[in-house]
Amino acid sequence: GSSGSSGKALGSKEIPKGAENCLEGLIFVITGVLESIERDEAKSLIERYGGKVTGNVSKKTNYLVMGRDSGQSKSDKAAALGTKIIDEDGLLNLIRTMPGKKSKYEIAVETE
């Protein structure tokens, strides 16, 4: 980490390259304004790695990605349901560290 930079520029963060399908089966809700990537960008990033983005927190939601100015109701609901609350860094970290998974199609081919 470099220090001494004043203010974060949008898009200054390096988007990690994750393993294939590393977010397979995970459901995310994005709320608020993320620091360096647009919400649409975060959404397509999650989907690229096999994850799903929904609009509202439910029992099925695995992660709530919270940015600035996010609604209190979503984080309250996430806390009540036991959904993990992460920020943009947490999301990028997930992509960086989660092991890749084979797609359901590949698994099906192997088991025949």
PDB file of N, CA and C in Angstrom:
ATOM      1  N   GLY A   1       0.804  -1.222   0.000  1.00  0.00           N
ATOM      2  CA  GLY A   1       0.000   0.000   0.000  1.00  0.00           C
ATOM      3  C   GLY A   1       0.824   1.253   0.000  1.00  0.00           C
ATOM      4  N   SER A   2       0.562   2.175  -0.932  1.00  0.00           N
ATOM      5  CA  SER A   2       1.253   3.456  -0.943  1.00  0.00           C
ATOM      6  C   SER A   2       0.483   4.444  -0.095  1.00  0.00           C
ATOM      7  N   SER A   3       1.191   5.281   0.631  1.00  0.00           N
ATOM      8  CA  SER A   3       0.515   6.248   1.481  1.00  0.00           C
ATOM      9  C   SER A   3       0.815   7.657   0.989  1.00  0.00           C
ATOM     10  N   GLY A   4       0.110   8.630   1.550  1.00  0.00           N
ATOM     11  CA  GLY A   4       0.366  10.007   1.187  1.00  0.00           C
ATOM     12  C   GLY A   4      -0.441  10.502   0.011  1.00  0.00           C
ATOM     13  N   SER A   5      -1.334   9.666  -0.520  1.00  0.00           N
ATOM     14  CA  SER A   5      -2.175  10.143  -1.615  1.00  0.00           C
ATOM     15  C   SER A   5      -3.351  10.893  -1.036  1.00  0.00           C
ATOM     16  N   SER A   6      -3.727  12.012  -1.635  1.00  0.00           N
ATOM     17  CA  SER A   6      -4.826  12.793  -1.105  1.00  0.00           C
ATOM     18  C   SER A   6      -6.096  12.508  -1.880  1.00  0.00           C
ATOM     19  N   GLY A   7      -7.038  11.856  -1.224  1.00  0.00           N
ATOM     20  CA  GLY A   7      -8.313  11.575  -1.874  1.00  0.00           C
ATOM     21  C   GLY A   7      -8.205  10.475  -2.893  1.00  0.00           C
ATOM     22  N   LYS A   8      -9.238   9.652  -2.945  1.00  0.00           N
ATOM     23  CA  LYS A   8      -9.215   8.543  -3.891  1.00  0.00           C
ATOM     24  C   LYS A   8      -9.873   8.961  -5.192  1.00  0.00           C
ATOM     25  N   ALA A   9      -9.185   8.739  -6.277  1.00  0.00           N
ATOM     26  CA  ALA A   9      -9.767   9.021  -7.577  1.00  0.00           C
ATOM     27  C   ALA A   9     -10.641   7.850  -7.989  1.00  0.00           C
ATOM     28  N   LEU A  10     -11.727   8.147  -8.660  1.00  0.00           N
ATOM     29  CA  LEU A  10     -12.612   7.099  -9.129  1.00  0.00           C
ATOM     30  C   LEU A  10     -11.862   6.203 -10.111  1.00  0.00           C
ATOM     31  N   GLY A  11     -11.981   4.909  -9.897  1.00  0.00           N
ATOM     32  CA  GLY A  11     -11.339   3.978 -10.810  1.00  0.00           C
ATOM     33  C   GLY A  11      -9.851   3.822 -10.565  1.00  0.00           C
ATOM     34  N   SER A  12      -9.378   4.304  -9.398  1.00  0.00           N
ATOM     35  CA  SER A  12      -7.951   4.217  -9.122  1.00  0.00           C
ATOM     36  C   SER A  12      -7.575   2.832  -8.614  1.00  0.00           C
ATOM     37  N   LYS A  13      -8.565   2.109  -8.141  1.00  0.00           N
ATOM     38  CA  LYS A  13      -8.298   0.800  -7.572  1.00  0.00           C
ATOM     39  C   LYS A  13      -8.090  -0.223  -8.673  1.00  0.00           C
ATOM     40  N   GLU A  14      -7.182  -1.137  -8.417  1.00  0.00           N
ATOM     41  CA  GLU A  14      -6.964  -2.193  -9.388  1.00  0.00           C
ATOM     42  C   GLU A  14      -8.009  -3.274  -9.170  1.00  0.00           C
ATOM     43  N   ILE A  15      -8.719  -3.622 -10.232  1.00  0.00           N
ATOM     44  CA  ILE A  15      -9.710  -4.684 -10.124  1.00  0.00           C
ATOM     45  C   ILE A  15      -8.964  -6.010 -10.221  1.00  0.00           C
ATOM     46  N   PRO A  16      -9.084  -6.838  -9.189  1.00  0.00           N
ATOM     47  CA  PRO A  16      -8.342  -8.106  -9.213  1.00  0.00           C
ATOM     48  C   PRO A  16      -8.897  -9.049 -10.269  1.00  0.00           C
ATOM     49  N   LYS A  17      -8.052  -9.935 -10.747  1.00  0.00           N
ATOM     50  CA  LYS A  17      -8.518 -10.960 -11.662  1.00  0.00           C
ATOM     51  C   LYS A  17      -8.761 -12.202 -10.827  1.00  0.00           C
ATOM     52  N   GLY A  18     -10.015 -12.609 -10.751  1.00  0.00           N
ATOM     53  CA  GLY A  18     -10.361 -13.744  -9.911  1.00  0.00           C
ATOM     54  C   GLY A  18     -10.312 -15.058 -10.664  1.00  0.00           C
ATOM     55  N   ALA A  19     -10.455 -16.130  -9.896  1.00  0.00           N
ATOM     56  CA  ALA A  19     -10.521 -17.454 -10.510  1.00  0.00           C
ATOM     57  C   ALA A  19     -11.884 -17.634 -11.152  1.00  0.00           C
ATOM     58  N   GLU A  20     -11.934 -18.507 -12.137  1.00  0.00           N
ATOM     59  CA  GLU A  20     -13.172 -18.730 -12.872  1.00  0.00           C
ATOM     60  C   GLU A  20     -14.292 -19.199 -11.954  1.00  0.00           C
ATOM     61  N   ASN A  21     -15.461 -18.590 -12.094  1.00  0.00           N
ATOM     62  CA  ASN A  21     -16.641 -18.962 -11.308  1.00  0.00           C
ATOM     63  C   ASN A  21     -16.426 -18.915  -9.798  1.00  0.00           C
ATOM     64  N   CYS A  22     -15.495 -18.049  -9.343  1.00  0.00           N
ATOM     65  CA  CYS A  22     -15.182 -18.041  -7.911  1.00  0.00           C
ATOM     66  C   CYS A  22     -16.347 -17.567  -7.041  1.00  0.00           C
ATOM     67  N   LEU A  23     -17.318 -16.863  -7.639  1.00  0.00           N
ATOM     68  CA  LEU A  23     -18.465 -16.396  -6.862  1.00  0.00           C
ATOM     69  C   LEU A  23     -19.726 -17.208  -7.170  1.00  0.00           C
ATOM     70  N   GLU A  24     -19.534 -18.336  -7.833  1.00  0.00           N
ATOM     71  CA  GLU A  24     -20.641 -19.212  -8.208  1.00  0.00           C
ATOM     72  C   GLU A  24     -21.514 -19.544  -6.996  1.00  0.00           C
ATOM     73  N   GLY A  25     -22.811 -19.344  -7.147  1.00  0.00           N
ATOM     74  CA  GLY A  25     -23.740 -19.697  -6.070  1.00  0.00           C
ATOM     75  C   GLY A  25     -23.900 -18.640  -4.998  1.00  0.00           C
ATOM     76  N   LEU A  26     -23.145 -17.547  -5.072  1.00  0.00           N
ATOM     77  CA  LEU A  26     -23.263 -16.491  -4.072  1.00  0.00           C
ATOM     78  C   LEU A  26     -24.199 -15.393  -4.571  1.00  0.00           C
ATOM     79  N   ILE A  27     -24.994 -14.864  -3.649  1.00  0.00           N
ATOM     80  CA  ILE A  27     -25.933 -13.805  -4.008  1.00  0.00           C
ATOM     81  C   ILE A  27     -25.561 -12.527  -3.272  1.00  0.00           C
ATOM     82  N   PHE A  28     -25.456 -11.442  -4.020  1.00  0.00           N
ATOM     83  CA  PHE A  28     -25.028 -10.152  -3.495  1.00  0.00           C
ATOM     84  C   PHE A  28     -26.123  -9.103  -3.642  1.00  0.00           C
ATOM     85  N   VAL A  29     -26.144  -8.173  -2.703  1.00  0.00           N
ATOM     86  CA  VAL A  29     -26.942  -6.965  -2.855  1.00  0.00           C
ATOM     87  C   VAL A  29     -25.969  -5.803  -2.717  1.00  0.00           C
ATOM     88  N   ILE A  30     -26.043  -4.851  -3.647  1.00  0.00           N
ATOM     89  CA  ILE A  30     -25.159  -3.685  -3.589  1.00  0.00           C
ATOM     90  C   ILE A  30     -25.985  -2.479  -3.183  1.00  0.00           C
ATOM     91  N   THR A  31     -25.524  -1.753  -2.181  1.00  0.00           N
ATOM     92  CA  THR A  31     -26.252  -0.574  -1.733  1.00  0.00           C
ATOM     93  C   THR A  31     -25.300   0.594  -1.504  1.00  0.00           C
ATOM     94  N   GLY A  32     -25.786   1.789  -1.741  1.00  0.00           N
ATOM     95  CA  GLY A  32     -24.947   2.969  -1.547  1.00  0.00           C
ATOM     96  C   GLY A  32     -24.005   3.208  -2.710  1.00  0.00           C
ATOM     97  N   VAL A  33     -23.068   4.133  -2.496  1.00  0.00           N
ATOM     98  CA  VAL A  33     -22.125   4.529  -3.531  1.00  0.00           C
ATOM     99  C   VAL A  33     -20.764   3.918  -3.229  1.00  0.00           C
ATOM    100  N   LEU A  34     -20.254   3.115  -4.140  1.00  0.00           N
ATOM    101  CA  LEU A  34     -18.956   2.488  -3.926  1.00  0.00           C
ATOM    102  C   LEU A  34     -17.832   3.479  -4.202  1.00  0.00           C
ATOM    103  N   GLU A  35     -16.685   3.229  -3.558  1.00  0.00           N
ATOM    104  CA  GLU A  35     -15.577   4.178  -3.624  1.00  0.00           C
ATOM    105  C   GLU A  35     -14.994   4.380  -5.012  1.00  0.00           C
ATOM    106  N   SER A  36     -14.611   3.289  -5.662  1.00  0.00           N
ATOM    107  CA  SER A  36     -13.866   3.479  -6.901  1.00  0.00           C
ATOM    108  C   SER A  36     -14.449   2.766  -8.106  1.00  0.00           C
ATOM    109  N   ILE A  37     -15.490   1.961  -7.907  1.00  0.00           N
ATOM    110  CA  ILE A  37     -16.135   1.368  -9.074  1.00  0.00           C
ATOM    111  C   ILE A  37     -17.627   1.682  -9.054  1.00  0.00           C
ATOM    112  N   GLU A  38     -18.198   1.804 -10.231  1.00  0.00           N
ATOM    113  CA  GLU A  38     -19.630   2.058 -10.342  1.00  0.00           C
ATOM    114  C   GLU A  38     -20.390   0.810  -9.904  1.00  0.00           C
ATOM    115  N   ARG A  39     -21.623   1.028  -9.453  1.00  0.00           N
ATOM    116  CA  ARG A  39     -22.437  -0.114  -9.066  1.00  0.00           C
ATOM    117  C   ARG A  39     -22.652  -1.083 -10.223  1.00  0.00           C
ATOM    118  N   ASP A  40     -22.876  -0.541 -11.421  1.00  0.00           N
ATOM    119  CA  ASP A  40     -23.058  -1.391 -12.599  1.00  0.00           C
ATOM    120  C   ASP A  40     -21.810  -2.232 -12.863  1.00  0.00           C
ATOM    121  N   GLU A  41     -20.669  -1.595 -12.610  1.00  0.00           N
ATOM    122  CA  GLU A  41     -19.397  -2.269 -12.826  1.00  0.00           C
ATOM    123  C   GLU A  41     -19.239  -3.405 -11.820  1.00  0.00           C
ATOM    124  N   ALA A  42     -19.598  -3.118 -10.583  1.00  0.00           N
ATOM    125  CA  ALA A  42     -19.524  -4.129  -9.529  1.00  0.00           C
ATOM    126  C   ALA A  42     -20.460  -5.295  -9.851  1.00  0.00           C
ATOM    127  N   LYS A  43     -21.645  -4.935 -10.351  1.00  0.00           N
ATOM    128  CA  LYS A  43     -22.635  -5.956 -10.713  1.00  0.00           C
ATOM    129  C   LYS A  43     -22.104  -6.875 -11.810  1.00  0.00           C
ATOM    130  N   SER A  44     -21.542  -6.267 -12.868  1.00  0.00           N
ATOM    131  CA  SER A  44     -21.054  -7.106 -13.963  1.00  0.00           C
ATOM    132  C   SER A  44     -19.824  -7.900 -13.550  1.00  0.00           C
ATOM    133  N   LEU A  45     -19.056  -7.352 -12.608  1.00  0.00           N
ATOM    134  CA  LEU A  45     -17.900  -8.053 -12.076  1.00  0.00           C
ATOM    135  C   LEU A  45     -18.353  -9.321 -11.346  1.00  0.00           C
ATOM    136  N   ILE A  46     -19.360  -9.152 -10.477  1.00  0.00           N
ATOM    137  CA  ILE A  46     -19.898 -10.284  -9.724  1.00  0.00           C
ATOM    138  C   ILE A  46     -20.469 -11.339 -10.677  1.00  0.00           C
ATOM    139  N   GLU A  47     -21.223 -10.876 -11.661  1.00  0.00           N
ATOM    140  CA  GLU A  47     -21.850 -11.808 -12.599  1.00  0.00           C
ATOM    141  C   GLU A  47     -20.831 -12.535 -13.468  1.00  0.00           C
ATOM    142  N   ARG A  48     -19.740 -11.829 -13.782  1.00  0.00           N
ATOM    143  CA  ARG A  48     -18.679 -12.444 -14.589  1.00  0.00           C
ATOM    144  C   ARG A  48     -18.088 -13.659 -13.866  1.00  0.00           C
ATOM    145  N   TYR A  49     -18.066 -13.588 -12.545  1.00  0.00           N
ATOM    146  CA  TYR A  49     -17.486 -14.686 -11.769  1.00  0.00           C
ATOM    147  C   TYR A  49     -18.539 -15.655 -11.238  1.00  0.00           C
ATOM    148  N   GLY A  50     -19.737 -15.593 -11.823  1.00  0.00           N
ATOM    149  CA  GLY A  50     -20.755 -16.590 -11.496  1.00  0.00           C
ATOM    150  C   GLY A  50     -21.682 -16.220 -10.358  1.00  0.00           C
ATOM    151  N   GLY A  51     -21.494 -15.045  -9.764  1.00  0.00           N
ATOM    152  CA  GLY A  51     -22.363 -14.617  -8.684  1.00  0.00           C
ATOM    153  C   GLY A  51     -23.629 -13.976  -9.222  1.00  0.00           C
ATOM    154  N   LYS A  52     -24.546 -13.670  -8.315  1.00  0.00           N
ATOM    155  CA  LYS A  52     -25.811 -13.082  -8.716  1.00  0.00           C
ATOM    156  C   LYS A  52     -26.027 -11.817  -7.894  1.00  0.00           C
ATOM    157  N   VAL A  53     -26.586 -10.785  -8.532  1.00  0.00           N
ATOM    158  CA  VAL A  53     -26.872  -9.545  -7.828  1.00  0.00           C
ATOM    159  C   VAL A  53     -28.377  -9.324  -7.823  1.00  0.00           C
ATOM    160  N   THR A  54     -28.945  -9.133  -6.632  1.00  0.00           N
ATOM    161  CA  THR A  54     -30.373  -8.867  -6.526  1.00  0.00           C
ATOM    162  C   THR A  54     -30.579  -7.493  -5.898  1.00  0.00           C
ATOM    163  N   GLY A  55     -31.801  -7.016  -5.934  1.00  0.00           N
ATOM    164  CA  GLY A  55     -32.071  -5.669  -5.451  1.00  0.00           C
ATOM    165  C   GLY A  55     -32.322  -5.582  -3.957  1.00  0.00           C
ATOM    166  N   ASN A  56     -32.813  -6.674  -3.381  1.00  0.00           N
ATOM    167  CA  ASN A  56     -33.171  -6.624  -1.974  1.00  0.00           C
ATOM    168  C   ASN A  56     -32.578  -7.768  -1.178  1.00  0.00           C
ATOM    169  N   VAL A  57     -32.257  -7.456   0.075  1.00  0.00           N
ATOM    170  CA  VAL A  57     -31.693  -8.456   0.973  1.00  0.00           C
ATOM    171  C   VAL A  57     -32.776  -9.476   1.336  1.00  0.00           C
ATOM    172  N   SER A  58     -32.439 -10.752   1.193  1.00  0.00           N
ATOM    173  CA  SER A  58     -33.357 -11.814   1.606  1.00  0.00           C
ATOM    174  C   SER A  58     -32.561 -12.891   2.335  1.00  0.00           C
ATOM    175  N   LYS A  59     -33.237 -13.934   2.763  1.00  0.00           N
ATOM    176  CA  LYS A  59     -32.557 -15.038   3.452  1.00  0.00           C
ATOM    177  C   LYS A  59     -31.478 -15.660   2.577  1.00  0.00           C
ATOM    178  N   LYS A  60     -31.666 -15.562   1.265  1.00  0.00           N
ATOM    179  CA  LYS A  60     -30.717 -16.188   0.341  1.00  0.00           C
ATOM    180  C   LYS A  60     -29.466 -15.346   0.123  1.00  0.00           C
ATOM    181  N   THR A  61     -29.527 -14.057   0.489  1.00  0.00           N
ATOM    182  CA  THR A  61     -28.395 -13.161   0.235  1.00  0.00           C
ATOM    183  C   THR A  61     -27.181 -13.561   1.065  1.00  0.00           C
ATOM    184  N   ASN A  62     -26.036 -13.712   0.402  1.00  0.00           N
ATOM    185  CA  ASN A  62     -24.801 -14.050   1.109  1.00  0.00           C
ATOM    186  C   ASN A  62     -24.049 -12.813   1.582  1.00  0.00           C
ATOM    187  N   TYR A  63     -23.995 -11.790   0.722  1.00  0.00           N
ATOM    188  CA  TYR A  63     -23.220 -10.591   1.036  1.00  0.00           C
ATOM    189  C   TYR A  63     -23.978  -9.324   0.685  1.00  0.00           C
ATOM    190  N   LEU A  64     -23.927  -8.363   1.602  1.00  0.00           N
ATOM    191  CA  LEU A  64     -24.405  -7.023   1.298  1.00  0.00           C
ATOM    192  C   LEU A  64     -23.165  -6.153   1.123  1.00  0.00           C
ATOM    193  N   VAL A  65     -23.013  -5.603  -0.079  1.00  0.00           N
ATOM    194  CA  VAL A  65     -21.879  -4.722  -0.352  1.00  0.00           C
ATOM    195  C   VAL A  65     -22.334  -3.292  -0.085  1.00  0.00           C
ATOM    196  N   MET A  66     -21.788  -2.698   0.968  1.00  0.00           N
ATOM    197  CA  MET A  66     -22.226  -1.379   1.385  1.00  0.00           C
ATOM    198  C   MET A  66     -21.279  -0.282   0.981  1.00  0.00           C
ATOM    199  N   GLY A  67     -21.809   0.723   0.325  1.00  0.00           N
ATOM    200  CA  GLY A  67     -21.028   1.897  -0.019  1.00  0.00           C
ATOM    201  C   GLY A  67     -21.444   3.067   0.860  1.00  0.00           C
ATOM    202  N   ARG A  68     -21.067   4.267   0.451  1.00  0.00           N
ATOM    203  CA  ARG A  68     -21.487   5.470   1.172  1.00  0.00           C
ATOM    204  C   ARG A  68     -22.969   5.723   0.928  1.00  0.00           C
ATOM    205  N   ASP A  69     -23.569   6.469   1.840  1.00  0.00           N
ATOM    206  CA  ASP A  69     -24.971   6.873   1.709  1.00  0.00           C
ATOM    207  C   ASP A  69     -25.913   5.692   1.493  1.00  0.00           C
ATOM    208  N   SER A  70     -25.569   4.557   2.061  1.00  0.00           N
ATOM    209  CA  SER A  70     -26.428   3.402   1.859  1.00  0.00           C
ATOM    210  C   SER A  70     -27.593   3.443   2.844  1.00  0.00           C
ATOM    211  N   GLY A  71     -28.682   2.838   2.456  1.00  0.00           N
ATOM    212  CA  GLY A  71     -29.880   2.846   3.273  1.00  0.00           C
ATOM    213  C   GLY A  71     -29.710   2.024   4.537  1.00  0.00           C
ATOM    214  N   GLN A  72     -30.171   2.569   5.643  1.00  0.00           N
ATOM    215  CA  GLN A  72     -30.089   1.896   6.928  1.00  0.00           C
ATOM    216  C   GLN A  72     -30.914   0.610   6.918  1.00  0.00           C
ATOM    217  N   SER A  73     -32.056   0.648   6.218  1.00  0.00           N
ATOM    218  CA  SER A  73     -32.958  -0.501   6.229  1.00  0.00           C
ATOM    219  C   SER A  73     -32.290  -1.767   5.698  1.00  0.00           C
ATOM    220  N   LYS A  74     -31.486  -1.612   4.642  1.00  0.00           N
ATOM    221  CA  LYS A  74     -30.831  -2.789   4.067  1.00  0.00           C
ATOM    222  C   LYS A  74     -29.822  -3.398   5.032  1.00  0.00           C
ATOM    223  N   SER A  75     -29.053  -2.545   5.722  1.00  0.00           N
ATOM    224  CA  SER A  75     -28.056  -3.091   6.637  1.00  0.00           C
ATOM    225  C   SER A  75     -28.725  -3.691   7.883  1.00  0.00           C
ATOM    226  N   ASP A  76     -29.835  -3.089   8.307  1.00  0.00           N
ATOM    227  CA  ASP A  76     -30.590  -3.667   9.429  1.00  0.00           C
ATOM    228  C   ASP A  76     -31.102  -5.055   9.065  1.00  0.00           C
ATOM    229  N   LYS A  77     -31.642  -5.166   7.870  1.00  0.00           N
ATOM    230  CA  LYS A  77     -32.188  -6.435   7.418  1.00  0.00           C
ATOM    231  C   LYS A  77     -31.085  -7.472   7.278  1.00  0.00           C
ATOM    232  N   ALA A  78     -29.945  -7.036   6.724  1.00  0.00           N
ATOM    233  CA  ALA A  78     -28.815  -7.941   6.568  1.00  0.00           C
ATOM    234  C   ALA A  78     -28.352  -8.458   7.921  1.00  0.00           C
ATOM    235  N   ALA A  79     -28.278  -7.548   8.894  1.00  0.00           N
ATOM    236  CA  ALA A  79     -27.858  -7.938  10.236  1.00  0.00           C
ATOM    237  C   ALA A  79     -28.847  -8.932  10.847  1.00  0.00           C
ATOM    238  N   ALA A  80     -30.126  -8.673  10.636  1.00  0.00           N
ATOM    239  CA  ALA A  80     -31.167  -9.544  11.174  1.00  0.00           C
ATOM    240  C   ALA A  80     -31.120 -10.941  10.553  1.00  0.00           C
ATOM    241  N   LEU A  81     -30.783 -10.998   9.271  1.00  0.00           N
ATOM    242  CA  LEU A  81     -30.765 -12.275   8.561  1.00  0.00           C
ATOM    243  C   LEU A  81     -29.418 -12.983   8.625  1.00  0.00           C
ATOM    244  N   GLY A  82     -28.432 -12.304   9.200  1.00  0.00           N
ATOM    245  CA  GLY A  82     -27.101 -12.902   9.288  1.00  0.00           C
ATOM    246  C   GLY A  82     -26.313 -12.828   7.993  1.00  0.00           C
ATOM    247  N   THR A  83     -26.701 -11.898   7.114  1.00  0.00           N
ATOM    248  CA  THR A  83     -25.970 -11.680   5.872  1.00  0.00           C
ATOM    249  C   THR A  83     -24.648 -10.979   6.188  1.00  0.00           C
ATOM    250  N   LYS A  84     -23.571 -11.412   5.560  1.00  0.00           N
ATOM    251  CA  LYS A  84     -22.287 -10.748   5.787  1.00  0.00           C
ATOM    252  C   LYS A  84     -22.296  -9.380   5.117  1.00  0.00           C
ATOM    253  N   ILE A  85     -21.866  -8.370   5.873  1.00  0.00           N
ATOM    254  CA  ILE A  85     -21.799  -7.022   5.313  1.00  0.00           C
ATOM    255  C   ILE A  85     -20.343  -6.691   5.001  1.00  0.00           C
ATOM    256  N   ILE A  86     -20.091  -6.373   3.742  1.00  0.00           N
ATOM    257  CA  ILE A  86     -18.727  -6.044   3.314  1.00  0.00           C
ATOM    258  C   ILE A  86     -18.747  -4.717   2.569  1.00  0.00           C
ATOM    259  N   ASP A  87     -17.562  -4.166   2.335  1.00  0.00           N
ATOM    260  CA  ASP A  87     -17.505  -2.951   1.529  1.00  0.00           C
ATOM    261  C   ASP A  87     -16.878  -3.315   0.181  1.00  0.00           C
ATOM    262  N   GLU A  88     -16.597  -2.290  -0.589  1.00  0.00           N
ATOM    263  CA  GLU A  88     -16.025  -2.529  -1.912  1.00  0.00           C
ATOM    264  C   GLU A  88     -14.713  -3.316  -1.818  1.00  0.00           C
ATOM    265  N   ASP A  89     -13.875  -2.963  -0.857  1.00  0.00           N
ATOM    266  CA  ASP A  89     -12.614  -3.684  -0.670  1.00  0.00           C
ATOM    267  C   ASP A  89     -12.875  -5.150  -0.354  1.00  0.00           C
ATOM    268  N   GLY A  90     -13.913  -5.380   0.453  1.00  0.00           N
ATOM    269  CA  GLY A  90     -14.274  -6.744   0.810  1.00  0.00           C
ATOM    270  C   GLY A  90     -14.667  -7.554  -0.407  1.00  0.00           C
ATOM    271  N   LEU A  91     -15.394  -6.896  -1.308  1.00  0.00           N
ATOM    272  CA  LEU A  91     -15.811  -7.558  -2.546  1.00  0.00           C
ATOM    273  C   LEU A  91     -14.605  -7.906  -3.410  1.00  0.00           C
ATOM    274  N   LEU A  92     -13.714  -6.929  -3.590  1.00  0.00           N
ATOM    275  CA  LEU A  92     -12.521  -7.155  -4.410  1.00  0.00           C
ATOM    276  C   LEU A  92     -11.646  -8.237  -3.787  1.00  0.00           C
ATOM    277  N   ASN A  93     -11.623  -8.238  -2.454  1.00  0.00           N
ATOM    278  CA  ASN A  93     -10.839  -9.230  -1.732  1.00  0.00           C
ATOM    279  C   ASN A  93     -11.405 -10.636  -1.932  1.00  0.00           C
ATOM    280  N   LEU A  94     -12.746 -10.729  -1.929  1.00  0.00           N
ATOM    281  CA  LEU A  94     -13.408 -12.019  -2.194  1.00  0.00           C
ATOM    282  C   LEU A  94     -12.984 -12.564  -3.551  1.00  0.00           C
ATOM    283  N   ILE A  95     -13.047 -11.684  -4.547  1.00  0.00           N
ATOM    284  CA  ILE A  95     -12.693 -12.095  -5.905  1.00  0.00           C
ATOM    285  C   ILE A  95     -11.234 -12.532  -5.962  1.00  0.00           C
ATOM    286  N   ARG A  96     -10.410 -11.810  -5.224  1.00  0.00           N
ATOM    287  CA  ARG A  96      -8.978 -12.105  -5.229  1.00  0.00           C
ATOM    288  C   ARG A  96      -8.673 -13.450  -4.565  1.00  0.00           C
ATOM    289  N   THR A  97      -9.435 -13.782  -3.510  1.00  0.00           N
ATOM    290  CA  THR A  97      -9.060 -14.932  -2.678  1.00  0.00           C
ATOM    291  C   THR A  97      -9.904 -16.193  -2.853  1.00  0.00           C
ATOM    292  N   MET A  98     -11.131 -16.055  -3.375  1.00  0.00           N
ATOM    293  CA  MET A  98     -11.983 -17.234  -3.485  1.00  0.00           C
ATOM    294  C   MET A  98     -11.430 -18.217  -4.513  1.00  0.00           C
ATOM    295  N   PRO A  99     -11.467 -19.505  -4.173  1.00  0.00           N
ATOM    296  CA  PRO A  99     -11.006 -20.498  -5.145  1.00  0.00           C
ATOM    297  C   PRO A  99     -11.984 -20.605  -6.304  1.00  0.00           C
ATOM    298  N   GLY A 100     -11.484 -20.921  -7.473  1.00  0.00           N
ATOM    299  CA  GLY A 100     -12.353 -21.067  -8.629  1.00  0.00           C
ATOM    300  C   GLY A 100     -13.185 -22.332  -8.532  1.00  0.00           C
ATOM    301  N   LYS A 101     -14.311 -22.314  -9.190  1.00  0.00           N
ATOM    302  CA  LYS A 101     -15.159 -23.498  -9.219  1.00  0.00           C
ATOM    303  C   LYS A 101     -15.409 -23.869 -10.664  1.00  0.00           C
ATOM    304  N   LYS A 102     -15.643 -25.139 -10.879  1.00  0.00           N
ATOM    305  CA  LYS A 102     -16.027 -25.552 -12.219  1.00  0.00           C
ATOM    306  C   LYS A 102     -17.484 -25.195 -12.398  1.00  0.00           C
ATOM    307  N   SER A 103     -17.839 -24.840 -13.599  1.00  0.00           N
ATOM    308  CA  SER A 103     -19.236 -24.519 -13.846  1.00  0.00           C
ATOM    309  C   SER A 103     -20.058 -25.791 -13.738  1.00  0.00           C
ATOM    310  N   LYS A 104     -21.327 -25.614 -13.456  1.00  0.00           N
ATOM    311  CA  LYS A 104     -22.223 -26.757 -13.290  1.00  0.00           C
ATOM    312  C   LYS A 104     -22.163 -27.674 -14.511  1.00  0.00           C
ATOM    313  N   TYR A 105     -21.997 -27.077 -15.668  1.00  0.00           N
ATOM    314  CA  TYR A 105     -21.942 -27.845 -16.905  1.00  0.00           C
ATOM    315  C   TYR A 105     -20.745 -28.790 -16.908  1.00  0.00           C
ATOM    316  N   GLU A 106     -19.593 -28.276 -16.510  1.00  0.00           N
ATOM    317  CA  GLU A 106     -18.384 -29.109 -16.487  1.00  0.00           C
ATOM    318  C   GLU A 106     -18.501 -30.251 -15.493  1.00  0.00           C
ATOM    319  N   ILE A 107     -19.099 -29.930 -14.334  1.00  0.00           N
ATOM    320  CA  ILE A 107     -19.277 -30.951 -13.297  1.00  0.00           C
ATOM    321  C   ILE A 107     -20.164 -32.077 -13.828  1.00  0.00           C
ATOM    322  N   ALA A 108     -21.244 -31.686 -14.514  1.00  0.00           N
ATOM    323  CA  ALA A 108     -22.170 -32.679 -15.072  1.00  0.00           C
ATOM    324  C   ALA A 108     -21.459 -33.617 -16.056  1.00  0.00           C
ATOM    325  N   VAL A 109     -20.567 -33.041 -16.852  1.00  0.00           N
ATOM    326  CA  VAL A 109     -19.839 -33.829 -17.837  1.00  0.00           C
ATOM    327  C   VAL A 109     -18.943 -34.853 -17.133  1.00  0.00           C
ATOM    328  N   GLU A 110     -18.319 -34.442 -16.034  1.00  0.00           N
ATOM    329  CA  GLU A 110     -17.406 -35.320 -15.311  1.00  0.00           C
ATOM    330  C   GLU A 110     -18.101 -36.505 -14.662  1.00  0.00           C
ATOM    331  N   THR A 111     -19.328 -36.311 -14.185  1.00  0.00           N
ATOM    332  CA  THR A 111     -19.986 -37.353 -13.417  1.00  0.00           C
ATOM    333  C   THR A 111     -20.666 -38.406 -14.287  1.00  0.00           C
ATOM    334  N   GLU A 112     -20.725 -38.175 -15.579  1.00  0.00           N
ATOM    335  CA  GLU A 112     -21.388 -39.156 -16.439  1.00  0.00           C
ATOM    336  C   GLU A 112     -20.622 -40.452 -16.561  1.00  0.00           C
TER     337      GLU A 112
END
